[in-house]
Amino acid sequence: MVEKQLRRRGIHDARVLAAMEQIPREEFVPLESRFVAYHDGPIEIGDRQTISQPYMTALMAQELALSGAETVLEVGAGCGYAAAVLGMLAARVVTVEIVPRLAELARANLRRLGRDSNIEVVLGDGGCGFAAAAPYDAISVAAGAPEIPAALVEQLKDAGRMVIPVGSRADQELLVVTKRDGKVESHVATQCRFVLLRGGEGWS
């Protein structure tokens, strides 16, 4: 996976590659899907949600340009896999999940693998962020929104970075958003296709 799906597609951050190599993806997917755990695509985890394609998880982490000292907000914990990767790259991760079963699944997976020491799983509406731990050095959003949520921009530190899929279900772009002196700029990292963000500012 690391060599064929990541390095060959331009994932070059050594820390991201090491995290992707060390986190056992098969431990986060349903038992019946473990034989395709390293498949080059997303995998359903129930409740109409998925664990993202390995390349997309790595790309989003790389675009955040984490040094190891940051506090990161993740929107959409899912099964906890991306949070585990981010937990190896940042000092603290707060991951928010709107589906109760998945929030508990993420907690259980992270606890079982001993990856929960710097990761907090919060049950709530991630589209509204998590103000209690804000501001954040970086924000990773694992669901598509029609626009960049204002609440997440507000909770992003100045000079912070956010990665978020923006667009319709069939036509999304992964945006890298930067905030400097209160001004927001963005550029497109790639085309993508994520499940839609639930909750947030009332668009789903």
N, C-alpha and C. Protein backbone atom coordinates (compact mmCIF):
# COMPACT_ATOMS: atom_id res chain seq x y z
N MET A 1 0.81 -1.20 0.00
CA MET A 1 0.00 0.00 0.00
C MET A 1 0.86 1.26 0.00
N VAL A 2 1.81 1.33 0.91
CA VAL A 2 2.63 2.53 1.04
C VAL A 2 3.42 2.79 -0.24
N GLU A 3 4.00 1.75 -0.81
CA GLU A 3 4.82 1.93 -2.00
C GLU A 3 3.97 2.22 -3.24
N LYS A 4 2.97 1.38 -3.49
CA LYS A 4 2.21 1.47 -4.74
C LYS A 4 1.13 2.55 -4.72
N GLN A 5 0.43 2.69 -3.61
CA GLN A 5 -0.69 3.62 -3.57
C GLN A 5 -0.29 5.02 -3.10
N LEU A 6 0.78 5.12 -2.32
CA LEU A 6 1.13 6.41 -1.73
C LEU A 6 2.36 7.05 -2.37
N ARG A 7 3.52 6.40 -2.25
CA ARG A 7 4.75 6.99 -2.81
C ARG A 7 4.61 7.29 -4.30
N ARG A 8 4.09 6.35 -5.04
CA ARG A 8 4.01 6.51 -6.50
C ARG A 8 3.02 7.60 -6.92
N ARG A 9 2.15 8.01 -5.98
CA ARG A 9 1.18 9.06 -6.30
C ARG A 9 1.58 10.41 -5.70
N GLY A 10 2.77 10.47 -5.15
CA GLY A 10 3.25 11.77 -4.70
C GLY A 10 3.19 12.04 -3.21
N ILE A 11 2.87 11.04 -2.42
CA ILE A 11 2.94 11.22 -0.97
C ILE A 11 4.40 11.10 -0.57
N HIS A 12 4.98 12.20 -0.13
CA HIS A 12 6.42 12.25 0.12
C HIS A 12 6.79 12.58 1.57
N ASP A 13 5.81 13.02 2.36
CA ASP A 13 6.09 13.35 3.76
C ASP A 13 6.47 12.08 4.52
N ALA A 14 7.70 12.03 5.01
CA ALA A 14 8.21 10.82 5.66
C ALA A 14 7.40 10.44 6.89
N ARG A 15 6.92 11.44 7.63
CA ARG A 15 6.15 11.16 8.84
C ARG A 15 4.79 10.58 8.49
N VAL A 16 4.18 11.09 7.44
CA VAL A 16 2.89 10.55 6.99
C VAL A 16 3.05 9.12 6.51
N LEU A 17 4.09 8.86 5.73
CA LEU A 17 4.33 7.50 5.23
C LEU A 17 4.57 6.53 6.39
N ALA A 18 5.32 6.97 7.39
CA ALA A 18 5.59 6.11 8.55
C ALA A 18 4.32 5.81 9.31
N ALA A 19 3.45 6.82 9.48
CA ALA A 19 2.20 6.61 10.20
C ALA A 19 1.29 5.65 9.43
N MET A 20 1.22 5.81 8.13
CA MET A 20 0.39 4.93 7.31
C MET A 20 0.92 3.50 7.34
N GLU A 21 2.21 3.36 7.47
CA GLU A 21 2.83 2.04 7.53
C GLU A 21 2.59 1.36 8.87
N GLN A 22 2.52 2.15 9.94
CA GLN A 22 2.43 1.59 11.29
C GLN A 22 1.01 1.34 11.78
N ILE A 23 0.05 2.12 11.28
CA ILE A 23 -1.34 1.94 11.75
C ILE A 23 -1.98 0.77 11.00
N PRO A 24 -2.41 -0.28 11.70
CA PRO A 24 -2.98 -1.46 11.04
C PRO A 24 -4.41 -1.21 10.56
N ARG A 25 -4.55 -0.89 9.30
CA ARG A 25 -5.87 -0.53 8.73
C ARG A 25 -6.90 -1.64 8.90
N GLU A 26 -6.44 -2.88 8.86
CA GLU A 26 -7.38 -4.01 8.98
C GLU A 26 -8.10 -4.03 10.32
N GLU A 27 -7.51 -3.38 11.33
CA GLU A 27 -8.12 -3.36 12.66
C GLU A 27 -9.29 -2.37 12.75
N PHE A 28 -9.49 -1.57 11.72
CA PHE A 28 -10.52 -0.55 11.75
C PHE A 28 -11.71 -0.85 10.83
N VAL A 29 -11.61 -1.90 10.03
CA VAL A 29 -12.70 -2.22 9.11
C VAL A 29 -13.51 -3.39 9.67
N PRO A 30 -14.75 -3.58 9.22
CA PRO A 30 -15.54 -4.73 9.67
C PRO A 30 -14.82 -6.04 9.37
N LEU A 31 -15.07 -7.05 10.19
CA LEU A 31 -14.40 -8.34 10.04
C LEU A 31 -14.56 -8.90 8.63
N GLU A 32 -15.75 -8.76 8.05
CA GLU A 32 -16.00 -9.32 6.72
C GLU A 32 -15.27 -8.56 5.62
N SER A 33 -14.70 -7.40 5.96
CA SER A 33 -14.00 -6.59 4.95
C SER A 33 -12.49 -6.59 5.13
N ARG A 34 -11.99 -7.35 6.07
CA ARG A 34 -10.56 -7.30 6.35
C ARG A 34 -9.70 -7.78 5.17
N PHE A 35 -10.26 -8.65 4.36
CA PHE A 35 -9.47 -9.16 3.22
C PHE A 35 -9.25 -8.08 2.16
N VAL A 36 -10.01 -6.98 2.24
CA VAL A 36 -9.80 -5.86 1.32
C VAL A 36 -9.39 -4.59 2.07
N ALA A 37 -8.84 -4.77 3.27
CA ALA A 37 -8.49 -3.62 4.11
C ALA A 37 -7.53 -2.66 3.42
N TYR A 38 -6.63 -3.19 2.58
CA TYR A 38 -5.64 -2.35 1.91
C TYR A 38 -5.99 -2.12 0.43
N HIS A 39 -7.25 -2.33 0.12
CA HIS A 39 -7.76 -2.07 -1.22
C HIS A 39 -7.65 -0.57 -1.53
N ASP A 40 -7.42 -0.24 -2.78
CA ASP A 40 -7.24 1.15 -3.21
C ASP A 40 -8.59 1.84 -3.38
N GLY A 41 -9.31 1.98 -2.28
CA GLY A 41 -10.63 2.61 -2.33
C GLY A 41 -11.25 2.64 -0.95
N PRO A 42 -12.38 3.33 -0.80
CA PRO A 42 -13.07 3.38 0.49
C PRO A 42 -13.76 2.06 0.80
N ILE A 43 -14.07 1.84 2.08
CA ILE A 43 -14.75 0.62 2.52
C ILE A 43 -15.89 1.03 3.43
N GLU A 44 -17.06 0.45 3.23
CA GLU A 44 -18.22 0.76 4.07
C GLU A 44 -18.01 0.26 5.49
N ILE A 45 -18.42 1.10 6.45
CA ILE A 45 -18.28 0.72 7.87
C ILE A 45 -19.62 0.75 8.58
N GLY A 46 -20.71 0.89 7.81
CA GLY A 46 -22.04 0.94 8.39
C GLY A 46 -22.56 2.35 8.52
N ASP A 47 -23.87 2.48 8.74
CA ASP A 47 -24.52 3.78 8.91
C ASP A 47 -24.28 4.71 7.72
N ARG A 48 -24.14 4.12 6.53
CA ARG A 48 -23.91 4.86 5.28
C ARG A 48 -22.60 5.66 5.30
N GLN A 49 -21.64 5.20 6.10
CA GLN A 49 -20.35 5.86 6.21
C GLN A 49 -19.25 4.93 5.72
N THR A 50 -18.10 5.51 5.42
CA THR A 50 -16.98 4.72 4.90
C THR A 50 -15.67 5.10 5.59
N ILE A 51 -14.70 4.20 5.50
CA ILE A 51 -13.31 4.51 5.82
C ILE A 51 -12.69 4.93 4.49
N SER A 52 -12.02 6.06 4.49
CA SER A 52 -11.54 6.64 3.22
C SER A 52 -10.46 5.78 2.57
N GLN A 53 -10.32 5.96 1.29
CA GLN A 53 -9.23 5.37 0.51
C GLN A 53 -7.89 5.72 1.18
N PRO A 54 -6.95 4.78 1.30
CA PRO A 54 -5.66 5.07 1.94
C PRO A 54 -4.97 6.30 1.38
N TYR A 55 -4.96 6.45 0.06
CA TYR A 55 -4.32 7.61 -0.56
C TYR A 55 -4.93 8.91 -0.08
N MET A 56 -6.26 8.95 0.04
CA MET A 56 -6.92 10.17 0.46
C MET A 56 -6.59 10.51 1.92
N THR A 57 -6.54 9.48 2.76
CA THR A 57 -6.15 9.70 4.16
C THR A 57 -4.75 10.29 4.23
N ALA A 58 -3.84 9.73 3.45
CA ALA A 58 -2.45 10.20 3.45
C ALA A 58 -2.33 11.60 2.86
N LEU A 59 -3.04 11.86 1.77
CA LEU A 59 -2.98 13.17 1.13
C LEU A 59 -3.49 14.26 2.06
N MET A 60 -4.61 14.01 2.73
CA MET A 60 -5.16 15.00 3.64
C MET A 60 -4.20 15.28 4.79
N ALA A 61 -3.58 14.23 5.31
CA ALA A 61 -2.61 14.42 6.38
C ALA A 61 -1.40 15.21 5.89
N GLN A 62 -0.94 14.89 4.70
CA GLN A 62 0.23 15.58 4.15
C GLN A 62 -0.08 17.07 3.92
N GLU A 63 -1.26 17.37 3.42
CA GLU A 63 -1.62 18.75 3.13
C GLU A 63 -1.74 19.60 4.39
N LEU A 64 -1.95 18.97 5.54
CA LEU A 64 -2.00 19.72 6.79
C LEU A 64 -0.61 20.16 7.25
N ALA A 65 0.44 19.52 6.71
CA ALA A 65 1.83 19.89 7.00
C ALA A 65 2.10 19.96 8.50
N LEU A 66 1.81 18.87 9.19
CA LEU A 66 1.95 18.83 10.65
C LEU A 66 3.39 18.58 11.06
N SER A 67 3.82 19.26 12.12
CA SER A 67 5.18 19.11 12.63
C SER A 67 5.25 18.21 13.85
N GLY A 68 4.10 18.03 14.53
CA GLY A 68 4.08 17.21 15.73
C GLY A 68 3.64 17.95 16.97
N ALA A 69 3.54 19.27 16.90
CA ALA A 69 3.20 20.07 18.08
C ALA A 69 1.76 20.57 18.06
N GLU A 70 1.01 20.25 17.01
CA GLU A 70 -0.29 20.85 16.80
C GLU A 70 -1.44 20.17 17.55
N THR A 71 -2.51 20.96 17.70
CA THR A 71 -3.81 20.44 18.11
C THR A 71 -4.68 20.42 16.86
N VAL A 72 -5.22 19.25 16.55
CA VAL A 72 -5.97 19.06 15.29
C VAL A 72 -7.41 18.68 15.60
N LEU A 73 -8.32 19.29 14.86
CA LEU A 73 -9.72 18.89 14.89
C LEU A 73 -10.00 18.03 13.66
N GLU A 74 -10.58 16.87 13.89
CA GLU A 74 -11.05 16.05 12.77
C GLU A 74 -12.57 16.00 12.81
N VAL A 75 -13.19 16.24 11.69
CA VAL A 75 -14.65 16.17 11.57
C VAL A 75 -14.99 14.86 10.86
N GLY A 76 -15.64 13.97 11.60
CA GLY A 76 -16.00 12.67 11.05
C GLY A 76 -15.04 11.59 11.51
N ALA A 77 -15.20 11.12 12.74
CA ALA A 77 -14.30 10.10 13.28
C ALA A 77 -14.43 8.78 12.56
N GLY A 78 -15.67 8.44 12.16
CA GLY A 78 -15.88 7.15 11.52
C GLY A 78 -15.43 6.02 12.43
N CYS A 79 -14.55 5.19 11.91
CA CYS A 79 -14.05 4.05 12.69
C CYS A 79 -12.78 4.39 13.48
N GLY A 80 -12.26 5.61 13.31
CA GLY A 80 -11.09 6.03 14.07
C GLY A 80 -9.77 5.91 13.35
N TYR A 81 -9.77 5.40 12.12
CA TYR A 81 -8.50 5.16 11.42
C TYR A 81 -7.73 6.44 11.13
N ALA A 82 -8.38 7.41 10.51
CA ALA A 82 -7.68 8.66 10.19
C ALA A 82 -7.23 9.38 11.45
N ALA A 83 -8.02 9.30 12.51
CA ALA A 83 -7.63 9.91 13.78
C ALA A 83 -6.36 9.25 14.32
N ALA A 84 -6.25 7.93 14.15
CA ALA A 84 -5.04 7.23 14.59
C ALA A 84 -3.82 7.71 13.82
N VAL A 85 -3.98 7.92 12.51
CA VAL A 85 -2.89 8.45 11.70
C VAL A 85 -2.52 9.85 12.16
N LEU A 86 -3.53 10.71 12.33
CA LEU A 86 -3.27 12.08 12.77
C LEU A 86 -2.65 12.11 14.17
N GLY A 87 -3.04 11.15 14.99
CA GLY A 87 -2.50 11.08 16.35
C GLY A 87 -1.00 10.83 16.38
N MET A 88 -0.46 10.22 15.33
CA MET A 88 0.97 10.00 15.23
C MET A 88 1.70 11.23 14.69
N LEU A 89 0.94 12.18 14.16
CA LEU A 89 1.53 13.33 13.50
C LEU A 89 1.38 14.63 14.28
N ALA A 90 0.49 14.64 15.28
CA ALA A 90 0.18 15.85 16.03
C ALA A 90 0.24 15.57 17.53
N ALA A 91 0.26 16.64 18.31
CA ALA A 91 0.31 16.48 19.77
C ALA A 91 -1.04 16.05 20.33
N ARG A 92 -2.12 16.58 19.74
CA ARG A 92 -3.46 16.27 20.23
C ARG A 92 -4.44 16.27 19.08
N VAL A 93 -5.37 15.31 19.11
CA VAL A 93 -6.42 15.23 18.10
C VAL A 93 -7.77 15.17 18.80
N VAL A 94 -8.69 16.03 18.38
CA VAL A 94 -10.08 15.95 18.81
C VAL A 94 -10.88 15.55 17.59
N THR A 95 -11.53 14.41 17.64
CA THR A 95 -12.28 13.94 16.48
C THR A 95 -13.76 13.84 16.84
N VAL A 96 -14.59 14.45 16.03
CA VAL A 96 -16.03 14.56 16.32
C VAL A 96 -16.82 13.67 15.38
N GLU A 97 -17.76 12.91 15.94
CA GLU A 97 -18.58 11.99 15.15
C GLU A 97 -20.05 12.18 15.52
N ILE A 98 -20.91 12.33 14.51
CA ILE A 98 -22.33 12.59 14.75
C ILE A 98 -23.13 11.31 14.98
N VAL A 99 -22.62 10.16 14.54
CA VAL A 99 -23.34 8.88 14.68
C VAL A 99 -22.87 8.19 15.96
N PRO A 100 -23.77 7.99 16.93
CA PRO A 100 -23.36 7.41 18.23
C PRO A 100 -22.62 6.08 18.10
N ARG A 101 -23.11 5.17 17.25
CA ARG A 101 -22.45 3.86 17.13
C ARG A 101 -21.02 4.01 16.63
N LEU A 102 -20.81 4.91 15.69
CA LEU A 102 -19.47 5.08 15.15
C LEU A 102 -18.55 5.78 16.14
N ALA A 103 -19.08 6.71 16.91
CA ALA A 103 -18.26 7.36 17.94
C ALA A 103 -17.74 6.32 18.93
N GLU A 104 -18.61 5.40 19.33
CA GLU A 104 -18.18 4.36 20.26
C GLU A 104 -17.22 3.37 19.59
N LEU A 105 -17.46 3.09 18.31
CA LEU A 105 -16.56 2.20 17.57
C LEU A 105 -15.16 2.81 17.48
N ALA A 106 -15.10 4.10 17.17
CA ALA A 106 -13.80 4.78 17.09
C ALA A 106 -13.08 4.73 18.43
N ARG A 107 -13.81 5.02 19.51
CA ARG A 107 -13.20 4.96 20.85
C ARG A 107 -12.66 3.56 21.14
N ALA A 108 -13.47 2.54 20.84
CA ALA A 108 -13.07 1.17 21.13
C ALA A 108 -11.85 0.76 20.31
N ASN A 109 -11.84 1.11 19.03
CA ASN A 109 -10.70 0.76 18.18
C ASN A 109 -9.42 1.43 18.66
N LEU A 110 -9.50 2.71 18.96
CA LEU A 110 -8.32 3.44 19.40
C LEU A 110 -7.82 2.93 20.74
N ARG A 111 -8.75 2.63 21.64
CA ARG A 111 -8.38 2.11 22.96
C ARG A 111 -7.73 0.73 22.83
N ARG A 112 -8.32 -0.13 22.03
CA ARG A 112 -7.81 -1.50 21.86
C ARG A 112 -6.38 -1.51 21.32
N LEU A 113 -6.07 -0.55 20.45
CA LEU A 113 -4.76 -0.50 19.82
C LEU A 113 -3.78 0.41 20.57
N GLY A 114 -4.23 0.95 21.70
CA GLY A 114 -3.35 1.82 22.48
C GLY A 114 -3.03 3.13 21.79
N ARG A 115 -3.98 3.64 20.99
CA ARG A 115 -3.76 4.87 20.24
C ARG A 115 -4.61 6.03 20.78
N ASP A 116 -5.14 5.88 21.97
CA ASP A 116 -6.07 6.87 22.50
C ASP A 116 -5.45 7.87 23.47
N SER A 117 -4.16 7.81 23.69
CA SER A 117 -3.55 8.68 24.70
C SER A 117 -3.63 10.16 24.35
N ASN A 118 -3.60 10.49 23.08
CA ASN A 118 -3.66 11.90 22.67
C ASN A 118 -4.83 12.18 21.72
N ILE A 119 -5.81 11.27 21.72
CA ILE A 119 -6.97 11.42 20.84
C ILE A 119 -8.25 11.38 21.66
N GLU A 120 -9.07 12.39 21.50
CA GLU A 120 -10.36 12.47 22.18
C GLU A 120 -11.47 12.33 21.15
N VAL A 121 -12.36 11.36 21.35
CA VAL A 121 -13.50 11.17 20.47
C VAL A 121 -14.72 11.83 21.10
N VAL A 122 -15.32 12.75 20.36
CA VAL A 122 -16.46 13.51 20.87
C VAL A 122 -17.69 13.18 20.03
N LEU A 123 -18.81 12.86 20.70
CA LEU A 123 -20.07 12.66 20.01
C LEU A 123 -20.71 14.02 19.81
N GLY A 124 -20.94 14.40 18.57
CA GLY A 124 -21.53 15.71 18.31
C GLY A 124 -21.55 16.04 16.84
N ASP A 125 -21.96 17.26 16.54
CA ASP A 125 -22.09 17.75 15.18
C ASP A 125 -20.79 18.41 14.75
N GLY A 126 -19.97 17.66 14.04
CA GLY A 126 -18.66 18.17 13.64
C GLY A 126 -18.72 19.32 12.67
N GLY A 127 -19.82 19.45 11.94
CA GLY A 127 -19.97 20.57 11.03
C GLY A 127 -19.97 21.90 11.76
N CYS A 128 -20.28 21.86 13.05
CA CYS A 128 -20.22 23.06 13.89
C CYS A 128 -18.91 23.13 14.66
N GLY A 129 -18.01 22.19 14.36
CA GLY A 129 -16.72 22.15 15.05
C GLY A 129 -16.86 21.66 16.47
N PHE A 130 -15.90 22.03 17.30
CA PHE A 130 -15.94 21.71 18.74
C PHE A 130 -15.26 22.87 19.45
N ALA A 131 -16.08 23.85 19.81
CA ALA A 131 -15.57 25.11 20.33
C ALA A 131 -14.80 24.96 21.64
N ALA A 132 -15.13 23.93 22.42
CA ALA A 132 -14.51 23.77 23.72
C ALA A 132 -12.99 23.62 23.66
N ALA A 133 -12.47 23.10 22.56
CA ALA A 133 -11.02 22.90 22.44
C ALA A 133 -10.39 23.84 21.42
N ALA A 134 -11.17 24.74 20.87
CA ALA A 134 -10.67 25.67 19.86
C ALA A 134 -9.81 26.76 20.51
N PRO A 135 -8.94 27.41 19.75
CA PRO A 135 -8.74 27.27 18.30
C PRO A 135 -7.80 26.13 17.97
N TYR A 136 -7.84 25.69 16.71
CA TYR A 136 -7.05 24.55 16.25
C TYR A 136 -5.97 24.99 15.27
N ASP A 137 -4.84 24.31 15.34
CA ASP A 137 -3.76 24.57 14.38
C ASP A 137 -4.12 24.03 13.01
N ALA A 138 -4.92 22.96 12.98
CA ALA A 138 -5.29 22.32 11.73
C ALA A 138 -6.64 21.64 11.89
N ILE A 139 -7.38 21.55 10.78
CA ILE A 139 -8.69 20.89 10.77
C ILE A 139 -8.76 19.98 9.56
N SER A 140 -9.18 18.74 9.78
CA SER A 140 -9.37 17.78 8.70
C SER A 140 -10.83 17.35 8.67
N VAL A 141 -11.48 17.53 7.54
CA VAL A 141 -12.90 17.24 7.41
C VAL A 141 -13.08 16.05 6.48
N ALA A 142 -13.67 14.98 6.99
CA ALA A 142 -13.79 13.74 6.22
C ALA A 142 -15.18 13.54 5.65
N ALA A 143 -15.84 14.65 5.28
CA ALA A 143 -17.15 14.58 4.64
C ALA A 143 -17.33 15.82 3.79
N GLY A 144 -18.07 15.67 2.69
CA GLY A 144 -18.21 16.77 1.75
C GLY A 144 -19.28 17.77 2.16
N ALA A 145 -18.97 19.05 2.01
CA ALA A 145 -19.92 20.13 2.31
C ALA A 145 -20.10 20.99 1.07
N PRO A 146 -21.26 21.65 0.92
CA PRO A 146 -21.47 22.50 -0.24
C PRO A 146 -20.61 23.76 -0.21
N GLU A 147 -20.14 24.12 0.97
CA GLU A 147 -19.27 25.28 1.14
C GLU A 147 -18.46 25.09 2.42
N ILE A 148 -17.46 25.91 2.61
CA ILE A 148 -16.64 25.81 3.81
C ILE A 148 -17.43 26.31 5.01
N PRO A 149 -17.65 25.48 6.02
CA PRO A 149 -18.46 25.91 7.18
C PRO A 149 -17.81 27.07 7.93
N ALA A 150 -18.59 28.12 8.16
CA ALA A 150 -18.08 29.31 8.86
C ALA A 150 -17.58 28.96 10.25
N ALA A 151 -18.26 28.02 10.93
CA ALA A 151 -17.85 27.66 12.28
C ALA A 151 -16.44 27.08 12.31
N LEU A 152 -16.09 26.31 11.28
CA LEU A 152 -14.76 25.73 11.25
C LEU A 152 -13.70 26.79 10.96
N VAL A 153 -14.02 27.74 10.11
CA VAL A 153 -13.09 28.83 9.84
C VAL A 153 -12.84 29.62 11.12
N GLU A 154 -13.89 29.87 11.88
CA GLU A 154 -13.76 30.62 13.13
C GLU A 154 -12.88 29.88 14.13
N GLN A 155 -12.94 28.55 14.13
CA GLN A 155 -12.19 27.77 15.12
C GLN A 155 -10.77 27.44 14.66
N LEU A 156 -10.41 27.85 13.46
CA LEU A 156 -9.07 27.63 12.94
C LEU A 156 -8.16 28.79 13.35
N LYS A 157 -7.01 28.48 13.90
CA LYS A 157 -6.05 29.51 14.30
C LYS A 157 -5.58 30.32 13.10
N ASP A 158 -5.15 31.53 13.36
CA ASP A 158 -4.50 32.29 12.31
C ASP A 158 -3.24 31.54 11.90
N ALA A 159 -2.98 31.47 10.62
CA ALA A 159 -1.88 30.69 10.04
C ALA A 159 -2.16 29.19 10.06
N GLY A 160 -3.41 28.81 10.39
CA GLY A 160 -3.77 27.40 10.40
C GLY A 160 -4.17 26.91 9.01
N ARG A 161 -4.30 25.58 8.90
CA ARG A 161 -4.67 24.96 7.62
C ARG A 161 -5.83 23.99 7.84
N MET A 162 -6.69 23.93 6.85
CA MET A 162 -7.82 23.01 6.88
C MET A 162 -7.92 22.29 5.54
N VAL A 163 -8.21 21.00 5.58
CA VAL A 163 -8.51 20.26 4.36
C VAL A 163 -9.96 19.83 4.43
N ILE A 164 -10.69 20.06 3.33
CA ILE A 164 -12.13 19.78 3.34
C ILE A 164 -12.63 19.53 1.92
N PRO A 165 -13.43 18.46 1.73
CA PRO A 165 -14.07 18.25 0.43
C PRO A 165 -15.25 19.22 0.28
N VAL A 166 -15.32 19.90 -0.84
CA VAL A 166 -16.40 20.87 -1.06
C VAL A 166 -17.05 20.59 -2.42
N GLY A 167 -18.38 20.58 -2.44
CA GLY A 167 -19.11 20.35 -3.67
C GLY A 167 -20.31 19.45 -3.44
N SER A 168 -20.91 18.99 -4.51
CA SER A 168 -22.06 18.08 -4.43
C SER A 168 -21.56 16.65 -4.23
N ARG A 169 -22.49 15.73 -4.04
CA ARG A 169 -22.11 14.33 -3.82
C ARG A 169 -21.31 13.78 -4.99
N ALA A 170 -21.66 14.20 -6.20
CA ALA A 170 -21.02 13.65 -7.40
C ALA A 170 -19.85 14.48 -7.90
N ASP A 171 -19.67 15.67 -7.38
CA ASP A 171 -18.63 16.56 -7.91
C ASP A 171 -18.00 17.35 -6.77
N GLN A 172 -16.94 16.80 -6.20
CA GLN A 172 -16.28 17.44 -5.06
C GLN A 172 -14.82 17.72 -5.37
N GLU A 173 -14.30 18.76 -4.72
CA GLU A 173 -12.88 19.08 -4.77
C GLU A 173 -12.34 19.11 -3.35
N LEU A 174 -11.16 18.54 -3.16
CA LEU A 174 -10.52 18.62 -1.86
C LEU A 174 -9.78 19.95 -1.79
N LEU A 175 -10.27 20.84 -0.94
CA LEU A 175 -9.67 22.15 -0.80
C LEU A 175 -8.69 22.19 0.36
N VAL A 176 -7.60 22.90 0.16
CA VAL A 176 -6.66 23.20 1.24
C VAL A 176 -6.88 24.67 1.58
N VAL A 177 -7.37 24.91 2.76
CA VAL A 177 -7.76 26.25 3.19
C VAL A 177 -6.72 26.79 4.16
N THR A 178 -6.27 28.01 3.94
CA THR A 178 -5.34 28.66 4.86
C THR A 178 -5.97 29.94 5.37
N LYS A 179 -5.64 30.28 6.59
CA LYS A 179 -6.18 31.47 7.24
C LYS A 179 -5.01 32.33 7.71
N ARG A 180 -4.92 33.53 7.19
CA ARG A 180 -3.83 34.44 7.56
C ARG A 180 -4.39 35.85 7.75
N ASP A 181 -4.11 36.40 8.92
CA ASP A 181 -4.60 37.75 9.26
C ASP A 181 -6.11 37.85 9.07
N GLY A 182 -6.79 36.76 9.42
CA GLY A 182 -8.24 36.73 9.32
C GLY A 182 -8.79 36.49 7.94
N LYS A 183 -7.93 36.44 6.93
CA LYS A 183 -8.37 36.22 5.56
C LYS A 183 -8.21 34.75 5.19
N VAL A 184 -9.17 34.26 4.42
CA VAL A 184 -9.19 32.84 4.05
C VAL A 184 -8.88 32.69 2.57
N GLU A 185 -7.93 31.82 2.27
CA GLU A 185 -7.61 31.48 0.90
C GLU A 185 -7.66 29.96 0.74
N SER A 186 -7.87 29.49 -0.47
CA SER A 186 -7.91 28.05 -0.69
C SER A 186 -7.40 27.70 -2.07
N HIS A 187 -6.92 26.45 -2.18
CA HIS A 187 -6.57 25.91 -3.48
C HIS A 187 -7.00 24.46 -3.54
N VAL A 188 -7.15 23.96 -4.75
CA VAL A 188 -7.63 22.59 -4.95
C VAL A 188 -6.46 21.62 -4.93
N ALA A 189 -6.56 20.60 -4.07
CA ALA A 189 -5.52 19.57 -4.01
C ALA A 189 -5.81 18.46 -5.02
N THR A 190 -7.09 18.08 -5.13
CA THR A 190 -7.47 17.01 -6.05
C THR A 190 -8.98 16.92 -6.14
N GLN A 191 -9.49 16.17 -7.09
CA GLN A 191 -10.91 15.82 -7.14
C GLN A 191 -11.13 14.69 -6.13
N CYS A 192 -12.32 14.59 -5.60
CA CYS A 192 -12.58 13.55 -4.60
C CYS A 192 -14.07 13.24 -4.55
N ARG A 193 -14.39 12.25 -3.74
CA ARG A 193 -15.80 11.89 -3.55
C ARG A 193 -15.97 11.33 -2.14
N PHE A 194 -16.54 12.13 -1.27
CA PHE A 194 -16.78 11.74 0.12
C PHE A 194 -18.27 11.65 0.38
N VAL A 195 -18.64 10.95 1.45
CA VAL A 195 -20.01 11.01 1.93
C VAL A 195 -20.29 12.45 2.34
N LEU A 196 -21.57 12.82 2.38
CA LEU A 196 -21.92 14.20 2.68
C LEU A 196 -21.87 14.49 4.18
N LEU A 197 -21.47 15.71 4.50
CA LEU A 197 -21.43 16.16 5.88
C LEU A 197 -22.85 16.26 6.43
N ARG A 198 -23.06 15.68 7.59
CA ARG A 198 -24.37 15.71 8.22
C ARG A 198 -24.37 16.77 9.31
N GLY A 199 -25.50 17.44 9.48
CA GLY A 199 -25.60 18.47 10.50
C GLY A 199 -25.04 19.78 9.99
N GLY A 200 -24.07 20.32 10.70
CA GLY A 200 -23.42 21.55 10.27
C GLY A 200 -24.38 22.72 10.21
N GLU A 201 -24.38 23.42 9.10
CA GLU A 201 -25.15 24.64 8.98
C GLU A 201 -26.50 24.45 8.30
N GLY A 202 -27.02 23.23 8.43
CA GLY A 202 -28.38 22.97 7.97
C GLY A 202 -28.55 22.58 6.53
N TRP A 203 -27.46 22.10 5.89
CA TRP A 203 -27.57 21.76 4.46
C TRP A 203 -27.81 20.27 4.23
N SER A 204 -27.88 19.47 5.29
CA SER A 204 -28.16 18.05 5.06
C SER A 204 -29.21 17.55 6.05
